[in-house]
Every structure is written in structure tokens, then in C-alpha cells.
Amino acid sequence: MNEVPLVNSGASKNKKPFPWTWIVLAFVLGVPVFFVGYIISLPVRTVREADAGFRKAKTTIDPEQLRSWALATAKSHKGTNGYSHEVIISEIPDYMKKLYSVEPEHAWADPNTGTVGIIWGGGFFHWGFYIGGTNYSMEPFGDHEIAEWTSGIYYMHEGSRKIR
């Protein structure tokens, strides 16, 4: 009988296995490194975007028009017992709402100072504008950087990075 042997005795039986261990190891190490890098870089990007909106405001918005709106809003929103009163986001002028890709998180009118604050952000980083009369001055507070746009109008962001 002329049968062909089932096993070729001269062939190597040691095939290299597919490198699953390396792929799994790269995935297990690579994914956390990617997310940690993303989380670390997020505040830097957010600060840059916030400051870019401030620069855009300075070139596209008339500060006196903004002040006029803010003073009228502060006058019409009388808080109870002298406390600030929430300004509904729909009351904010479109030119302010369109400075950033997201709408403001919060706005309020303070009857004591005659000012309006408009704040964006959330979680660990906020930025915004404080608008008052020409004699309104704002002092640094907490962990905030402040820049005067024009007398009585200020831009602020959390953190110690200088405003650019």
C-alpha cells in the first residue's frame, strides 16, 4: 500500500503563535496613557479657548453696547433682600452667547453693585465676564486671573495661567 504519511517528518512543528500577548499588553497600557494625557491637556486647551473668546469679544463687541445692556438688566432684576438675581440665558445678547461653542452656564444681576456676571464652563474650570458701570472695579479673588477689558468690564478665568 502506498499511503502518504499523515505527518511530514521533515517539517517543523514550531509555528510562531500570533502575538496576542503583545497586542493585549499594548492595549492595557496604551488606553490609560491616552486618557491620562487627554485629561492633563484638557485644562490647557480650555484656558486657551476661553482666552480666545475674550480676544474675540474685544475685537467684535462694542463694550458700551454691552454695558448698556448690563446696566438695564441689573436695574430690571431686583434681587430679594439685596441678593443677586438670576438672569435667564435667553436674556443674554446673542453676540455674547456666540463667543463660545457652548452657551453660558449661569448669569446673574447684582442689585448692590449694579453689575451683571456671565459665566461659562463647569466642573473644574469657569470663565466669564463681569459688567458694570465705568466706576465698577473688580479685585482678584480666590484662584482667578482677571483682565480689565475697559473701565468697569472685566474678563476672568479660574486658575493661575496668565490671560493672553
N, C-alpha and C. Protein backbone atom coordinates (compact mmCIF):
# COMPACT_ATOMS: atom_id res chain seq x y z
N MET A 1 0.81 -1.18 0.00
CA MET A 1 0.00 0.00 0.00
C MET A 1 0.85 1.24 0.00
N ASN A 2 0.44 2.13 -0.82
CA ASN A 2 1.17 3.39 -0.95
C ASN A 2 0.39 4.52 -0.29
N GLU A 3 0.44 4.59 0.98
CA GLU A 3 -0.25 5.68 1.69
C GLU A 3 0.73 6.79 2.03
N VAL A 4 0.22 7.98 2.01
CA VAL A 4 1.03 9.16 2.36
C VAL A 4 1.00 9.29 3.87
N PRO A 5 2.16 9.50 4.46
CA PRO A 5 2.15 9.64 5.91
C PRO A 5 1.38 10.90 6.34
N LEU A 6 0.70 10.81 7.47
CA LEU A 6 -0.09 11.92 7.97
C LEU A 6 0.78 13.09 8.42
N VAL A 7 1.94 12.83 8.89
CA VAL A 7 2.82 13.89 9.39
C VAL A 7 4.08 13.88 8.55
N ASN A 8 4.44 15.05 8.12
CA ASN A 8 5.68 15.18 7.36
C ASN A 8 6.80 15.24 8.38
N SER A 9 7.61 14.25 8.43
CA SER A 9 8.62 14.18 9.47
C SER A 9 9.70 15.24 9.33
N GLY A 10 9.87 15.80 8.17
CA GLY A 10 10.90 16.80 7.98
C GLY A 10 10.40 18.22 8.26
N ALA A 11 9.11 18.44 8.47
CA ALA A 11 8.56 19.78 8.69
C ALA A 11 8.68 20.18 10.15
N SER A 12 8.84 21.46 10.36
CA SER A 12 8.95 21.98 11.73
C SER A 12 7.55 22.09 12.33
N LYS A 13 7.42 21.70 13.57
CA LYS A 13 6.13 21.78 14.26
C LYS A 13 6.02 23.07 15.06
N ASN A 14 7.07 23.87 15.16
CA ASN A 14 7.06 25.08 15.98
C ASN A 14 6.68 26.30 15.15
N LYS A 15 5.38 26.52 14.98
CA LYS A 15 4.90 27.72 14.31
C LYS A 15 4.91 28.85 15.33
N LYS A 16 5.23 30.08 14.86
CA LYS A 16 5.19 31.23 15.78
C LYS A 16 3.72 31.58 16.02
N PRO A 17 3.33 31.62 17.26
CA PRO A 17 1.94 31.99 17.54
C PRO A 17 1.72 33.47 17.26
N PHE A 18 0.47 33.85 17.01
CA PHE A 18 0.11 35.26 16.79
C PHE A 18 0.41 36.01 18.09
N PRO A 19 0.96 37.20 18.02
CA PRO A 19 1.42 37.91 19.23
C PRO A 19 0.28 38.54 20.04
N TRP A 20 -0.66 37.74 20.49
CA TRP A 20 -1.78 38.24 21.28
C TRP A 20 -1.31 38.91 22.56
N THR A 21 -0.30 38.34 23.16
CA THR A 21 0.17 38.92 24.43
C THR A 21 0.63 40.35 24.22
N TRP A 22 1.32 40.62 23.13
CA TRP A 22 1.81 41.99 22.89
C TRP A 22 0.67 42.94 22.56
N ILE A 23 -0.30 42.46 21.84
CA ILE A 23 -1.44 43.30 21.49
C ILE A 23 -2.24 43.64 22.74
N VAL A 24 -2.51 42.66 23.57
CA VAL A 24 -3.25 42.89 24.81
C VAL A 24 -2.45 43.83 25.73
N LEU A 25 -1.16 43.61 25.86
CA LEU A 25 -0.32 44.45 26.70
C LEU A 25 -0.30 45.90 26.19
N ALA A 26 -0.17 46.07 24.89
CA ALA A 26 -0.18 47.42 24.31
C ALA A 26 -1.52 48.11 24.57
N PHE A 27 -2.61 47.37 24.46
CA PHE A 27 -3.93 47.93 24.70
C PHE A 27 -4.09 48.30 26.17
N VAL A 28 -3.71 47.39 27.07
CA VAL A 28 -3.86 47.61 28.51
C VAL A 28 -3.04 48.82 28.96
N LEU A 29 -1.87 49.00 28.40
CA LEU A 29 -1.02 50.15 28.77
C LEU A 29 -1.35 51.40 27.96
N GLY A 30 -1.69 51.23 26.71
CA GLY A 30 -1.90 52.37 25.83
C GLY A 30 -3.16 53.16 26.13
N VAL A 31 -4.26 52.50 26.41
CA VAL A 31 -5.51 53.19 26.67
C VAL A 31 -5.41 54.10 27.91
N PRO A 32 -4.93 53.61 29.04
CA PRO A 32 -4.82 54.53 30.20
C PRO A 32 -3.86 55.70 29.94
N VAL A 33 -2.76 55.44 29.25
CA VAL A 33 -1.81 56.53 28.95
C VAL A 33 -2.49 57.58 28.08
N PHE A 34 -3.28 57.15 27.10
CA PHE A 34 -4.00 58.09 26.24
C PHE A 34 -4.96 58.94 27.07
N PHE A 35 -5.77 58.31 27.92
CA PHE A 35 -6.75 59.06 28.70
C PHE A 35 -6.09 59.99 29.72
N VAL A 36 -5.03 59.57 30.35
CA VAL A 36 -4.32 60.44 31.28
C VAL A 36 -3.76 61.64 30.53
N GLY A 37 -3.18 61.43 29.38
CA GLY A 37 -2.67 62.53 28.56
C GLY A 37 -3.77 63.48 28.15
N TYR A 38 -4.92 62.94 27.79
CA TYR A 38 -6.06 63.77 27.39
C TYR A 38 -6.53 64.62 28.57
N ILE A 39 -6.65 64.00 29.73
CA ILE A 39 -7.12 64.71 30.93
C ILE A 39 -6.13 65.80 31.33
N ILE A 40 -4.84 65.52 31.22
CA ILE A 40 -3.84 66.51 31.58
C ILE A 40 -3.86 67.69 30.60
N SER A 41 -4.08 67.43 29.32
CA SER A 41 -4.06 68.50 28.33
C SER A 41 -5.36 69.29 28.27
N LEU A 42 -6.44 68.75 28.81
CA LEU A 42 -7.75 69.41 28.72
C LEU A 42 -7.76 70.80 29.34
N PRO A 43 -7.25 71.02 30.55
CA PRO A 43 -7.28 72.38 31.11
C PRO A 43 -6.52 73.39 30.26
N VAL A 44 -5.42 72.99 29.68
CA VAL A 44 -4.63 73.91 28.85
C VAL A 44 -5.44 74.34 27.64
N ARG A 45 -6.09 73.38 26.98
CA ARG A 45 -6.91 73.71 25.81
C ARG A 45 -8.09 74.57 26.20
N THR A 46 -8.74 74.27 27.33
CA THR A 46 -9.91 75.02 27.76
C THR A 46 -9.54 76.46 28.07
N VAL A 47 -8.41 76.67 28.74
CA VAL A 47 -7.96 78.03 29.05
C VAL A 47 -7.70 78.79 27.75
N ARG A 48 -7.05 78.15 26.81
CA ARG A 48 -6.78 78.81 25.52
C ARG A 48 -8.06 79.19 24.80
N GLU A 49 -9.05 78.28 24.80
CA GLU A 49 -10.32 78.58 24.15
C GLU A 49 -11.05 79.71 24.86
N ALA A 50 -11.02 79.71 26.19
CA ALA A 50 -11.67 80.78 26.96
C ALA A 50 -11.02 82.12 26.65
N ASP A 51 -9.70 82.16 26.68
CA ASP A 51 -9.00 83.41 26.39
C ASP A 51 -9.20 83.85 24.94
N ALA A 52 -9.33 82.89 24.03
CA ALA A 52 -9.60 83.23 22.62
C ALA A 52 -10.95 83.93 22.50
N GLY A 53 -11.94 83.50 23.28
CA GLY A 53 -13.24 84.16 23.28
C GLY A 53 -13.16 85.59 23.79
N PHE A 54 -12.31 85.82 24.78
CA PHE A 54 -12.10 87.17 25.30
C PHE A 54 -11.47 88.05 24.22
N ARG A 55 -10.47 87.53 23.53
CA ARG A 55 -9.84 88.30 22.45
C ARG A 55 -10.85 88.59 21.34
N LYS A 56 -11.71 87.61 21.05
CA LYS A 56 -12.75 87.80 20.03
C LYS A 56 -13.72 88.88 20.47
N ALA A 57 -14.10 88.86 21.75
CA ALA A 57 -15.03 89.87 22.27
C ALA A 57 -14.45 91.27 22.11
N LYS A 58 -13.16 91.41 22.41
CA LYS A 58 -12.53 92.73 22.33
C LYS A 58 -12.51 93.29 20.91
N THR A 59 -12.53 92.41 19.91
CA THR A 59 -12.48 92.88 18.53
C THR A 59 -13.84 92.94 17.85
N THR A 60 -14.85 92.25 18.39
CA THR A 60 -16.14 92.18 17.69
C THR A 60 -17.31 92.81 18.45
N ILE A 61 -17.15 93.11 19.73
CA ILE A 61 -18.27 93.61 20.53
C ILE A 61 -17.97 95.02 20.99
N ASP A 62 -18.98 95.87 20.88
CA ASP A 62 -18.86 97.23 21.39
C ASP A 62 -19.08 97.18 22.91
N PRO A 63 -18.06 97.50 23.70
CA PRO A 63 -18.21 97.38 25.16
C PRO A 63 -19.29 98.30 25.73
N GLU A 64 -19.53 99.43 25.08
CA GLU A 64 -20.58 100.34 25.59
C GLU A 64 -21.97 99.78 25.33
N GLN A 65 -22.13 99.06 24.24
CA GLN A 65 -23.41 98.39 23.98
C GLN A 65 -23.63 97.29 25.03
N LEU A 66 -22.58 96.55 25.35
CA LEU A 66 -22.65 95.50 26.37
C LEU A 66 -22.96 96.13 27.74
N ARG A 67 -22.28 97.22 28.07
CA ARG A 67 -22.52 97.90 29.35
C ARG A 67 -23.95 98.41 29.44
N SER A 68 -24.45 98.97 28.37
CA SER A 68 -25.82 99.48 28.34
C SER A 68 -26.81 98.35 28.64
N TRP A 69 -26.60 97.20 27.99
CA TRP A 69 -27.47 96.04 28.24
C TRP A 69 -27.36 95.61 29.71
N ALA A 70 -26.14 95.53 30.23
CA ALA A 70 -25.91 95.05 31.59
C ALA A 70 -26.54 95.98 32.63
N LEU A 71 -26.38 97.28 32.45
CA LEU A 71 -26.95 98.22 33.43
C LEU A 71 -28.47 98.16 33.42
N ALA A 72 -29.07 98.06 32.23
CA ALA A 72 -30.53 97.93 32.14
C ALA A 72 -30.99 96.62 32.77
N THR A 73 -30.23 95.55 32.56
CA THR A 73 -30.59 94.24 33.12
C THR A 73 -30.46 94.27 34.64
N ALA A 74 -29.39 94.85 35.15
CA ALA A 74 -29.20 94.93 36.61
C ALA A 74 -30.32 95.75 37.24
N LYS A 75 -30.75 96.78 36.56
CA LYS A 75 -31.82 97.63 37.09
C LYS A 75 -33.17 96.91 37.09
N SER A 76 -33.40 96.09 36.07
CA SER A 76 -34.69 95.40 35.97
C SER A 76 -34.77 94.13 36.81
N HIS A 77 -33.64 93.62 37.28
CA HIS A 77 -33.62 92.40 38.10
C HIS A 77 -33.30 92.77 39.54
N LYS A 78 -34.31 93.07 40.26
CA LYS A 78 -34.12 93.39 41.68
C LYS A 78 -34.12 92.09 42.48
N GLY A 79 -33.02 91.79 43.10
CA GLY A 79 -32.94 90.59 43.92
C GLY A 79 -33.73 90.78 45.20
N THR A 80 -34.07 89.70 45.84
CA THR A 80 -34.78 89.80 47.11
C THR A 80 -33.79 90.01 48.24
N ASN A 81 -34.09 90.91 49.11
CA ASN A 81 -33.24 91.23 50.27
C ASN A 81 -31.81 91.61 49.87
N GLY A 82 -31.66 92.23 48.72
CA GLY A 82 -30.35 92.70 48.30
C GLY A 82 -29.44 91.65 47.69
N TYR A 83 -29.93 90.44 47.49
CA TYR A 83 -29.11 89.39 46.89
C TYR A 83 -29.21 89.44 45.37
N SER A 84 -28.26 88.79 44.72
CA SER A 84 -28.27 88.78 43.26
C SER A 84 -29.46 87.97 42.75
N HIS A 85 -29.81 88.24 41.51
CA HIS A 85 -30.96 87.62 40.88
C HIS A 85 -30.51 86.96 39.58
N GLU A 86 -31.00 85.76 39.33
CA GLU A 86 -30.61 85.02 38.13
C GLU A 86 -31.12 85.73 36.87
N VAL A 87 -30.24 85.80 35.88
CA VAL A 87 -30.61 86.30 34.56
C VAL A 87 -30.75 85.07 33.66
N ILE A 88 -31.90 84.93 33.05
CA ILE A 88 -32.16 83.78 32.18
C ILE A 88 -31.26 83.88 30.95
N ILE A 89 -30.70 82.76 30.54
CA ILE A 89 -29.75 82.72 29.43
C ILE A 89 -30.33 83.35 28.17
N SER A 90 -31.63 83.18 27.94
CA SER A 90 -32.25 83.75 26.73
C SER A 90 -32.23 85.28 26.75
N GLU A 91 -32.03 85.90 27.92
CA GLU A 91 -31.96 87.36 28.02
C GLU A 91 -30.58 87.91 27.64
N ILE A 92 -29.59 87.05 27.57
CA ILE A 92 -28.23 87.48 27.24
C ILE A 92 -28.17 87.76 25.74
N PRO A 93 -27.54 88.85 25.34
CA PRO A 93 -27.46 89.15 23.90
C PRO A 93 -26.75 88.03 23.13
N ASP A 94 -27.21 87.83 21.91
CA ASP A 94 -26.63 86.77 21.06
C ASP A 94 -25.14 86.95 20.85
N TYR A 95 -24.69 88.19 20.72
CA TYR A 95 -23.26 88.40 20.47
C TYR A 95 -22.41 87.90 21.63
N MET A 96 -22.96 87.84 22.82
CA MET A 96 -22.23 87.27 23.96
C MET A 96 -22.35 85.75 23.98
N LYS A 97 -23.54 85.24 23.68
CA LYS A 97 -23.75 83.79 23.70
C LYS A 97 -22.94 83.09 22.61
N LYS A 98 -22.63 83.80 21.52
CA LYS A 98 -21.93 83.18 20.40
C LYS A 98 -20.40 83.32 20.50
N LEU A 99 -19.90 83.84 21.60
CA LEU A 99 -18.45 83.93 21.77
C LEU A 99 -17.80 82.56 21.85
N TYR A 100 -18.54 81.59 22.37
CA TYR A 100 -18.01 80.25 22.59
C TYR A 100 -18.94 79.23 21.94
N SER A 101 -18.46 78.02 21.81
CA SER A 101 -19.26 76.97 21.17
C SER A 101 -20.39 76.48 22.08
N VAL A 102 -20.34 76.84 23.35
CA VAL A 102 -21.40 76.47 24.30
C VAL A 102 -22.03 77.74 24.86
N GLU A 103 -23.28 77.62 25.28
CA GLU A 103 -23.95 78.76 25.89
C GLU A 103 -23.41 78.97 27.30
N PRO A 104 -23.61 80.17 27.84
CA PRO A 104 -23.19 80.41 29.23
C PRO A 104 -23.86 79.43 30.19
N GLU A 105 -23.15 79.11 31.25
CA GLU A 105 -23.69 78.21 32.26
C GLU A 105 -24.63 78.96 33.21
N HIS A 106 -24.28 80.21 33.50
CA HIS A 106 -25.02 80.94 34.52
C HIS A 106 -24.83 82.44 34.31
N ALA A 107 -25.84 83.21 34.65
CA ALA A 107 -25.73 84.67 34.62
C ALA A 107 -26.57 85.23 35.76
N TRP A 108 -26.15 86.36 36.30
CA TRP A 108 -26.89 86.97 37.40
C TRP A 108 -26.70 88.48 37.37
N ALA A 109 -27.63 89.15 38.01
CA ALA A 109 -27.57 90.60 38.19
C ALA A 109 -27.44 90.86 39.69
N ASP A 110 -26.56 91.76 40.05
CA ASP A 110 -26.35 92.10 41.46
C ASP A 110 -26.86 93.52 41.69
N PRO A 111 -27.99 93.65 42.41
CA PRO A 111 -28.55 94.99 42.62
C PRO A 111 -27.68 95.88 43.52
N ASN A 112 -26.83 95.28 44.34
CA ASN A 112 -25.96 96.07 45.23
C ASN A 112 -24.88 96.81 44.45
N THR A 113 -24.31 96.17 43.45
CA THR A 113 -23.23 96.78 42.68
C THR A 113 -23.68 97.25 41.31
N GLY A 114 -24.90 96.88 40.89
CA GLY A 114 -25.38 97.25 39.56
C GLY A 114 -24.62 96.54 38.46
N THR A 115 -24.18 95.32 38.73
CA THR A 115 -23.38 94.57 37.76
C THR A 115 -24.11 93.32 37.29
N VAL A 116 -23.62 92.80 36.18
CA VAL A 116 -24.10 91.52 35.65
C VAL A 116 -22.88 90.63 35.44
N GLY A 117 -23.00 89.38 35.85
CA GLY A 117 -21.96 88.39 35.61
C GLY A 117 -22.47 87.33 34.66
N ILE A 118 -21.64 86.96 33.70
CA ILE A 118 -21.98 85.89 32.75
C ILE A 118 -20.84 84.88 32.81
N ILE A 119 -21.17 83.63 33.14
CA ILE A 119 -20.14 82.62 33.38
C ILE A 119 -20.36 81.41 32.46
N TRP A 120 -19.26 80.91 31.91
CA TRP A 120 -19.24 79.68 31.11
C TRP A 120 -18.46 78.63 31.87
N GLY A 121 -18.53 77.39 31.41
CA GLY A 121 -17.72 76.32 31.97
C GLY A 121 -18.51 75.43 32.90
N GLY A 122 -17.78 74.63 33.63
CA GLY A 122 -18.39 73.71 34.56
C GLY A 122 -17.33 72.81 35.15
N GLY A 123 -17.70 72.09 36.15
CA GLY A 123 -16.74 71.18 36.77
C GLY A 123 -15.60 71.93 37.42
N PHE A 124 -14.41 71.80 36.83
CA PHE A 124 -13.22 72.35 37.46
C PHE A 124 -12.72 73.64 36.83
N PHE A 125 -13.42 74.19 35.86
CA PHE A 125 -12.93 75.40 35.21
C PHE A 125 -14.10 76.28 34.76
N HIS A 126 -14.06 77.54 35.16
CA HIS A 126 -15.07 78.51 34.77
C HIS A 126 -14.38 79.76 34.23
N TRP A 127 -15.08 80.48 33.38
CA TRP A 127 -14.58 81.76 32.89
C TRP A 127 -15.77 82.63 32.57
N GLY A 128 -15.56 83.93 32.50
CA GLY A 128 -16.69 84.78 32.19
C GLY A 128 -16.38 86.26 32.26
N PHE A 129 -17.45 87.03 32.20
CA PHE A 129 -17.38 88.49 32.18
C PHE A 129 -18.18 89.07 33.33
N TYR A 130 -17.67 90.13 33.90
CA TYR A 130 -18.39 90.92 34.90
C TYR A 130 -18.52 92.31 34.31
N ILE A 131 -19.76 92.79 34.19
CA ILE A 131 -20.02 94.04 33.51
C ILE A 131 -20.73 94.99 34.47
N GLY A 132 -20.16 96.17 34.63
CA GLY A 132 -20.76 97.18 35.49
C GLY A 132 -20.56 98.57 34.91
N GLY A 133 -20.89 99.57 35.72
CA GLY A 133 -20.68 100.96 35.31
C GLY A 133 -19.19 101.27 35.19
N THR A 134 -18.88 102.41 34.64
CA THR A 134 -17.47 102.77 34.43
C THR A 134 -16.70 102.89 35.73
N ASN A 135 -17.38 103.12 36.83
CA ASN A 135 -16.68 103.22 38.13
C ASN A 135 -16.58 101.88 38.86
N TYR A 136 -17.11 100.81 38.28
CA TYR A 136 -17.03 99.48 38.91
C TYR A 136 -15.61 98.95 38.79
N SER A 137 -15.07 98.48 39.89
CA SER A 137 -13.75 97.85 39.83
C SER A 137 -13.84 96.47 40.45
N MET A 138 -13.04 95.59 39.94
CA MET A 138 -13.07 94.20 40.40
C MET A 138 -11.70 93.81 40.91
N GLU A 139 -11.67 93.28 42.09
CA GLU A 139 -10.42 92.83 42.70
C GLU A 139 -10.27 91.33 42.49
N PRO A 140 -9.04 90.86 42.35
CA PRO A 140 -8.83 89.41 42.23
C PRO A 140 -9.39 88.68 43.46
N PHE A 141 -9.92 87.50 43.23
CA PHE A 141 -10.46 86.70 44.33
C PHE A 141 -10.15 85.24 44.08
N GLY A 142 -9.85 84.52 45.14
CA GLY A 142 -9.59 83.09 45.04
C GLY A 142 -8.51 82.78 44.02
N ASP A 143 -8.70 81.71 43.30
CA ASP A 143 -7.75 81.25 42.29
C ASP A 143 -8.22 81.72 40.91
N HIS A 144 -8.30 83.03 40.73
CA HIS A 144 -8.81 83.60 39.48
C HIS A 144 -7.82 84.61 38.91
N GLU A 145 -7.73 84.61 37.59
CA GLU A 145 -6.98 85.65 36.88
C GLU A 145 -8.01 86.61 36.30
N ILE A 146 -7.74 87.90 36.39
CA ILE A 146 -8.68 88.91 35.94
C ILE A 146 -7.99 89.87 34.98
N ALA A 147 -8.70 90.25 33.92
CA ALA A 147 -8.20 91.24 32.98
C ALA A 147 -9.28 92.29 32.75
N GLU A 148 -8.90 93.55 32.78
CA GLU A 148 -9.85 94.62 32.51
C GLU A 148 -9.95 94.83 31.01
N TRP A 149 -11.15 94.71 30.48
CA TRP A 149 -11.38 94.94 29.06
C TRP A 149 -11.41 96.44 28.82
N THR A 150 -12.26 97.12 29.55
CA THR A 150 -12.36 98.57 29.58
C THR A 150 -12.89 98.92 30.96
N SER A 151 -12.88 100.18 31.32
CA SER A 151 -13.27 100.51 32.70
C SER A 151 -14.66 99.95 33.01
N GLY A 152 -14.72 99.15 34.07
CA GLY A 152 -15.97 98.56 34.54
C GLY A 152 -16.36 97.23 33.90
N ILE A 153 -15.59 96.75 32.93
CA ILE A 153 -15.89 95.46 32.29
C ILE A 153 -14.65 94.58 32.42
N TYR A 154 -14.84 93.40 33.01
CA TYR A 154 -13.72 92.51 33.29
C TYR A 154 -13.97 91.12 32.74
N TYR A 155 -12.87 90.48 32.36
CA TYR A 155 -12.88 89.07 31.97
C TYR A 155 -12.12 88.32 33.05
N MET A 156 -12.56 87.12 33.37
CA MET A 156 -11.94 86.33 34.43
C MET A 156 -11.94 84.86 34.04
N HIS A 157 -10.90 84.15 34.47
CA HIS A 157 -10.92 82.69 34.39
C HIS A 157 -10.24 82.12 35.62
N GLU A 158 -10.66 80.91 35.98
CA GLU A 158 -10.06 80.23 37.12
C GLU A 158 -8.67 79.75 36.76
N GLY A 159 -7.86 79.59 37.76
CA GLY A 159 -6.51 79.07 37.54
C GLY A 159 -5.47 80.17 37.54
N SER A 160 -4.24 79.75 37.56
CA SER A 160 -3.14 80.72 37.67
C SER A 160 -2.51 81.06 36.32
N ARG A 161 -3.01 80.50 35.23
CA ARG A 161 -2.44 80.82 33.91
C ARG A 161 -2.78 82.27 33.57
N LYS A 162 -1.79 82.99 33.11
CA LYS A 162 -1.99 84.39 32.72
C LYS A 162 -2.94 84.47 31.53
N ILE A 163 -3.75 85.52 31.52
CA ILE A 163 -4.68 85.75 30.43
C ILE A 163 -3.89 86.29 29.24
N ARG A 164 -4.13 85.69 28.09
CA ARG A 164 -3.41 86.10 26.87
C ARG A 164 -4.36 86.69 25.87
